[in-house]
Amino acid sequence: MNLDTNVWLGIYYVKQCLYEKACFYLERASQIKPNEVKWKLMVASCQRRIGNFQKALKIYQAIYQDYPDNVECLRFLVLLCKDMGLDYEEYAKELHRAEMYNENYGEP
């Protein structure tokens, strides 16, 4: 299947709240376009929504390693770490820095 088909099916299943099915197609989309962060973020979001918090955390942390200025990733890292009772101060500090940068200079 090509990228467009995987994306379409992934988004369709997200809209249907069938997050496990959505993960399959969105993971394939992220493999086809490994430098496109939005598919990885959607996979992490689906994992979080089905309660796989540890797996979601690992995905968000991997995204953070590759895209340390991604505000969406940092927001979810802060929220997820708070919800899991984990230390989130580093992520909160980085989130604030990234938001200030975006506010002053636009997206990096």
N, C-alpha and C. Protein backbone atom coordinates (compact mmCIF):
# COMPACT_ATOMS: atom_id res chain seq x y z
N MET A 1 0.83 -1.19 0.00
CA MET A 1 0.00 0.00 0.00
C MET A 1 0.87 1.25 0.00
N ASN A 2 0.42 2.27 -0.68
CA ASN A 2 1.21 3.49 -0.73
C ASN A 2 0.92 4.40 0.47
N LEU A 3 1.65 5.49 0.54
CA LEU A 3 1.53 6.42 1.66
C LEU A 3 0.10 6.95 1.80
N ASP A 4 -0.46 7.44 0.71
CA ASP A 4 -1.79 8.05 0.77
C ASP A 4 -2.85 7.08 1.30
N THR A 5 -2.80 5.84 0.88
CA THR A 5 -3.77 4.84 1.34
C THR A 5 -3.60 4.57 2.83
N ASN A 6 -2.37 4.42 3.28
CA ASN A 6 -2.12 4.19 4.71
C ASN A 6 -2.58 5.37 5.55
N VAL A 7 -2.28 6.57 5.09
CA VAL A 7 -2.70 7.77 5.82
C VAL A 7 -4.22 7.86 5.86
N TRP A 8 -4.85 7.65 4.72
CA TRP A 8 -6.31 7.74 4.65
C TRP A 8 -6.95 6.74 5.62
N LEU A 9 -6.48 5.49 5.59
CA LEU A 9 -7.04 4.46 6.47
C LEU A 9 -6.74 4.78 7.94
N GLY A 10 -5.53 5.25 8.22
CA GLY A 10 -5.18 5.61 9.60
C GLY A 10 -6.08 6.70 10.14
N ILE A 11 -6.28 7.74 9.36
CA ILE A 11 -7.13 8.85 9.80
C ILE A 11 -8.59 8.40 9.90
N TYR A 12 -9.02 7.57 8.97
CA TYR A 12 -10.39 7.04 9.04
C TYR A 12 -10.61 6.31 10.36
N TYR A 13 -9.69 5.44 10.73
CA TYR A 13 -9.83 4.67 11.98
C TYR A 13 -9.71 5.56 13.22
N VAL A 14 -8.90 6.61 13.15
CA VAL A 14 -8.84 7.56 14.27
C VAL A 14 -10.21 8.20 14.45
N LYS A 15 -10.81 8.65 13.35
CA LYS A 15 -12.13 9.29 13.42
C LYS A 15 -13.19 8.34 13.95
N GLN A 16 -13.00 7.05 13.72
CA GLN A 16 -13.93 6.03 14.21
C GLN A 16 -13.59 5.59 15.64
N CYS A 17 -12.55 6.17 16.22
CA CYS A 17 -12.05 5.82 17.56
C CYS A 17 -11.57 4.37 17.63
N LEU A 18 -11.10 3.86 16.52
CA LEU A 18 -10.54 2.51 16.46
C LEU A 18 -9.01 2.67 16.38
N TYR A 19 -8.44 3.02 17.53
CA TYR A 19 -7.05 3.45 17.58
C TYR A 19 -6.05 2.33 17.31
N GLU A 20 -6.38 1.10 17.69
CA GLU A 20 -5.45 0.00 17.40
C GLU A 20 -5.31 -0.21 15.90
N LYS A 21 -6.43 -0.17 15.19
CA LYS A 21 -6.38 -0.31 13.73
C LYS A 21 -5.66 0.88 13.12
N ALA A 22 -5.93 2.07 13.65
CA ALA A 22 -5.28 3.28 13.13
C ALA A 22 -3.77 3.17 13.27
N CYS A 23 -3.30 2.64 14.40
CA CYS A 23 -1.86 2.50 14.65
C CYS A 23 -1.18 1.71 13.54
N PHE A 24 -1.79 0.64 13.12
CA PHE A 24 -1.20 -0.20 12.09
C PHE A 24 -0.89 0.62 10.83
N TYR A 25 -1.87 1.36 10.36
CA TYR A 25 -1.71 2.12 9.12
C TYR A 25 -0.81 3.35 9.30
N LEU A 26 -0.91 3.99 10.45
CA LEU A 26 -0.07 5.16 10.69
C LEU A 26 1.39 4.76 10.90
N GLU A 27 1.63 3.59 11.51
CA GLU A 27 3.00 3.08 11.62
C GLU A 27 3.58 2.80 10.24
N ARG A 28 2.76 2.25 9.36
CA ARG A 28 3.22 1.99 7.98
C ARG A 28 3.53 3.30 7.27
N ALA A 29 2.68 4.31 7.49
CA ALA A 29 2.93 5.62 6.87
C ALA A 29 4.24 6.19 7.39
N SER A 30 4.51 6.02 8.69
CA SER A 30 5.76 6.56 9.25
C SER A 30 6.98 5.78 8.75
N GLN A 31 6.79 4.52 8.36
CA GLN A 31 7.89 3.76 7.78
C GLN A 31 8.15 4.18 6.33
N ILE A 32 7.08 4.51 5.62
CA ILE A 32 7.22 4.96 4.23
C ILE A 32 7.87 6.33 4.18
N LYS A 33 7.48 7.21 5.11
CA LYS A 33 8.02 8.58 5.18
C LYS A 33 8.64 8.79 6.56
N PRO A 34 9.81 8.21 6.83
CA PRO A 34 10.39 8.26 8.17
C PRO A 34 10.74 9.67 8.66
N ASN A 35 10.90 10.62 7.76
CA ASN A 35 11.23 11.99 8.18
C ASN A 35 10.00 12.86 8.40
N GLU A 36 8.81 12.29 8.26
CA GLU A 36 7.57 13.03 8.48
C GLU A 36 7.09 12.76 9.90
N VAL A 37 7.29 13.72 10.78
CA VAL A 37 7.04 13.53 12.21
C VAL A 37 5.56 13.37 12.54
N LYS A 38 4.66 13.92 11.72
CA LYS A 38 3.24 13.88 12.10
C LYS A 38 2.68 12.47 12.18
N TRP A 39 3.19 11.55 11.39
CA TRP A 39 2.67 10.17 11.46
C TRP A 39 3.13 9.51 12.76
N LYS A 40 4.36 9.79 13.16
CA LYS A 40 4.88 9.25 14.43
C LYS A 40 4.09 9.83 15.61
N LEU A 41 3.79 11.12 15.54
CA LEU A 41 2.99 11.75 16.60
C LEU A 41 1.60 11.13 16.68
N MET A 42 1.03 10.81 15.53
CA MET A 42 -0.31 10.20 15.53
C MET A 42 -0.26 8.78 16.09
N VAL A 43 0.80 8.04 15.80
CA VAL A 43 0.95 6.70 16.38
C VAL A 43 1.04 6.80 17.90
N ALA A 44 1.85 7.72 18.39
CA ALA A 44 1.98 7.90 19.84
C ALA A 44 0.64 8.29 20.45
N SER A 45 -0.09 9.17 19.79
CA SER A 45 -1.40 9.59 20.28
C SER A 45 -2.36 8.40 20.36
N CYS A 46 -2.36 7.56 19.34
CA CYS A 46 -3.22 6.37 19.35
C CYS A 46 -2.84 5.44 20.50
N GLN A 47 -1.54 5.23 20.70
CA GLN A 47 -1.10 4.37 21.80
C GLN A 47 -1.56 4.93 23.14
N ARG A 48 -1.47 6.24 23.29
CA ARG A 48 -1.91 6.90 24.52
C ARG A 48 -3.42 6.72 24.72
N ARG A 49 -4.17 6.85 23.65
CA ARG A 49 -5.63 6.76 23.74
C ARG A 49 -6.13 5.35 24.05
N ILE A 50 -5.35 4.34 23.68
CA ILE A 50 -5.77 2.96 24.01
C ILE A 50 -5.18 2.50 25.34
N GLY A 51 -4.44 3.40 25.99
CA GLY A 51 -3.93 3.08 27.33
C GLY A 51 -2.55 2.47 27.36
N ASN A 52 -1.87 2.42 26.23
CA ASN A 52 -0.49 1.92 26.19
C ASN A 52 0.46 3.08 26.48
N PHE A 53 0.41 3.56 27.74
CA PHE A 53 1.15 4.75 28.11
C PHE A 53 2.66 4.57 28.00
N GLN A 54 3.16 3.41 28.38
CA GLN A 54 4.60 3.16 28.30
C GLN A 54 5.08 3.18 26.85
N LYS A 55 4.31 2.56 25.97
CA LYS A 55 4.67 2.55 24.55
C LYS A 55 4.58 3.96 23.97
N ALA A 56 3.53 4.69 24.34
CA ALA A 56 3.38 6.07 23.87
C ALA A 56 4.56 6.91 24.34
N LEU A 57 4.95 6.74 25.60
CA LEU A 57 6.08 7.49 26.15
C LEU A 57 7.35 7.21 25.36
N LYS A 58 7.60 5.96 25.05
CA LYS A 58 8.81 5.61 24.28
C LYS A 58 8.80 6.25 22.90
N ILE A 59 7.63 6.28 22.27
CA ILE A 59 7.53 6.89 20.94
C ILE A 59 7.77 8.39 21.04
N TYR A 60 7.12 9.05 22.01
CA TYR A 60 7.33 10.49 22.19
C TYR A 60 8.79 10.80 22.51
N GLN A 61 9.43 9.96 23.32
CA GLN A 61 10.84 10.19 23.65
C GLN A 61 11.73 10.03 22.42
N ALA A 62 11.40 9.07 21.56
CA ALA A 62 12.17 8.89 20.32
C ALA A 62 11.97 10.09 19.40
N ILE A 63 10.75 10.59 19.33
CA ILE A 63 10.48 11.78 18.52
C ILE A 63 11.27 12.96 19.07
N TYR A 64 11.27 13.10 20.39
CA TYR A 64 11.99 14.20 21.04
C TYR A 64 13.49 14.14 20.71
N GLN A 65 14.05 12.94 20.65
CA GLN A 65 15.48 12.80 20.31
C GLN A 65 15.75 13.32 18.90
N ASP A 66 14.83 13.05 17.98
CA ASP A 66 15.02 13.46 16.58
C ASP A 66 14.55 14.89 16.32
N TYR A 67 13.54 15.33 17.08
CA TYR A 67 12.94 16.66 16.86
C TYR A 67 12.77 17.37 18.20
N PRO A 68 13.86 17.80 18.82
CA PRO A 68 13.80 18.36 20.18
C PRO A 68 13.01 19.66 20.29
N ASP A 69 12.71 20.30 19.18
CA ASP A 69 11.96 21.56 19.21
C ASP A 69 10.49 21.38 18.84
N ASN A 70 10.04 20.15 18.71
CA ASN A 70 8.65 19.91 18.32
C ASN A 70 7.73 20.17 19.52
N VAL A 71 6.98 21.25 19.44
CA VAL A 71 6.14 21.69 20.56
C VAL A 71 5.06 20.66 20.88
N GLU A 72 4.43 20.09 19.87
CA GLU A 72 3.38 19.10 20.11
C GLU A 72 3.94 17.90 20.88
N CYS A 73 5.07 17.42 20.48
CA CYS A 73 5.71 16.30 21.17
C CYS A 73 6.01 16.66 22.62
N LEU A 74 6.59 17.83 22.82
CA LEU A 74 6.94 18.26 24.18
C LEU A 74 5.70 18.41 25.06
N ARG A 75 4.63 18.94 24.50
CA ARG A 75 3.38 19.08 25.28
C ARG A 75 2.90 17.71 25.77
N PHE A 76 2.91 16.75 24.87
CA PHE A 76 2.43 15.43 25.27
C PHE A 76 3.40 14.72 26.20
N LEU A 77 4.68 14.97 26.06
CA LEU A 77 5.65 14.40 27.00
C LEU A 77 5.40 14.93 28.40
N VAL A 78 5.15 16.24 28.52
CA VAL A 78 4.86 16.83 29.83
C VAL A 78 3.59 16.22 30.42
N LEU A 79 2.52 16.18 29.62
CA LEU A 79 1.24 15.65 30.11
C LEU A 79 1.34 14.17 30.49
N LEU A 80 1.97 13.39 29.63
CA LEU A 80 2.08 11.96 29.87
C LEU A 80 2.94 11.68 31.10
N CYS A 81 4.05 12.37 31.23
CA CYS A 81 4.91 12.17 32.40
C CYS A 81 4.18 12.57 33.68
N LYS A 82 3.44 13.66 33.64
CA LYS A 82 2.64 14.07 34.81
C LYS A 82 1.64 12.97 35.16
N ASP A 83 0.91 12.49 34.15
CA ASP A 83 -0.10 11.45 34.38
C ASP A 83 0.51 10.16 34.92
N MET A 84 1.73 9.86 34.51
CA MET A 84 2.40 8.63 34.94
C MET A 84 3.20 8.81 36.22
N GLY A 85 3.21 10.03 36.75
CA GLY A 85 3.96 10.29 37.98
C GLY A 85 5.46 10.33 37.76
N LEU A 86 5.89 10.65 36.55
CA LEU A 86 7.31 10.70 36.23
C LEU A 86 7.80 12.15 36.23
N ASP A 87 9.10 12.32 36.32
CA ASP A 87 9.68 13.66 36.28
C ASP A 87 9.48 14.26 34.89
N TYR A 88 8.96 15.45 34.86
CA TYR A 88 8.68 16.11 33.59
C TYR A 88 9.33 17.49 33.47
N GLU A 89 10.12 17.88 34.46
CA GLU A 89 10.68 19.23 34.49
C GLU A 89 11.54 19.55 33.27
N GLU A 90 12.37 18.61 32.84
CA GLU A 90 13.21 18.86 31.66
C GLU A 90 12.34 19.14 30.44
N TYR A 91 11.31 18.33 30.26
CA TYR A 91 10.42 18.52 29.11
C TYR A 91 9.66 19.84 29.22
N ALA A 92 9.23 20.20 30.43
CA ALA A 92 8.50 21.46 30.63
C ALA A 92 9.40 22.65 30.30
N LYS A 93 10.66 22.56 30.70
CA LYS A 93 11.61 23.63 30.41
C LYS A 93 11.85 23.75 28.91
N GLU A 94 12.01 22.61 28.26
CA GLU A 94 12.22 22.60 26.80
C GLU A 94 10.97 23.09 26.07
N LEU A 95 9.80 22.72 26.57
CA LEU A 95 8.54 23.18 25.98
C LEU A 95 8.46 24.71 26.06
N HIS A 96 8.75 25.25 27.21
CA HIS A 96 8.71 26.71 27.38
C HIS A 96 9.68 27.39 26.41
N ARG A 97 10.88 26.84 26.31
CA ARG A 97 11.89 27.40 25.41
C ARG A 97 11.40 27.35 23.96
N ALA A 98 10.85 26.21 23.54
CA ALA A 98 10.38 26.06 22.17
C ALA A 98 9.19 26.98 21.87
N GLU A 99 8.30 27.13 22.83
CA GLU A 99 7.16 28.02 22.65
C GLU A 99 7.61 29.48 22.54
N MET A 100 8.57 29.86 23.36
CA MET A 100 9.10 31.23 23.28
C MET A 100 9.80 31.47 21.94
N TYR A 101 10.54 30.50 21.49
CA TYR A 101 11.20 30.62 20.19
C TYR A 101 10.17 30.80 19.09
N ASN A 102 9.13 29.94 19.10
CA ASN A 102 8.09 30.02 18.08
C ASN A 102 7.36 31.35 18.13
N GLU A 103 7.11 31.82 19.33
CA GLU A 103 6.42 33.10 19.50
C GLU A 103 7.24 34.25 18.93
N ASN A 104 8.54 34.19 19.09
CA ASN A 104 9.41 35.26 18.63
C ASN A 104 9.86 35.12 17.17
N TYR A 105 10.05 33.89 16.72
CA TYR A 105 10.66 33.68 15.40
C TYR A 105 9.84 32.78 14.48
N GLY A 106 8.77 32.21 14.93
CA GLY A 106 8.01 31.27 14.12
C GLY A 106 8.55 29.87 14.30
N GLU A 107 7.91 28.91 13.67
CA GLU A 107 8.33 27.51 13.78
C GLU A 107 9.77 27.37 13.31
N PRO A 108 10.58 26.55 14.06
CA PRO A 108 12.00 26.35 13.64
C PRO A 108 12.08 25.57 12.35
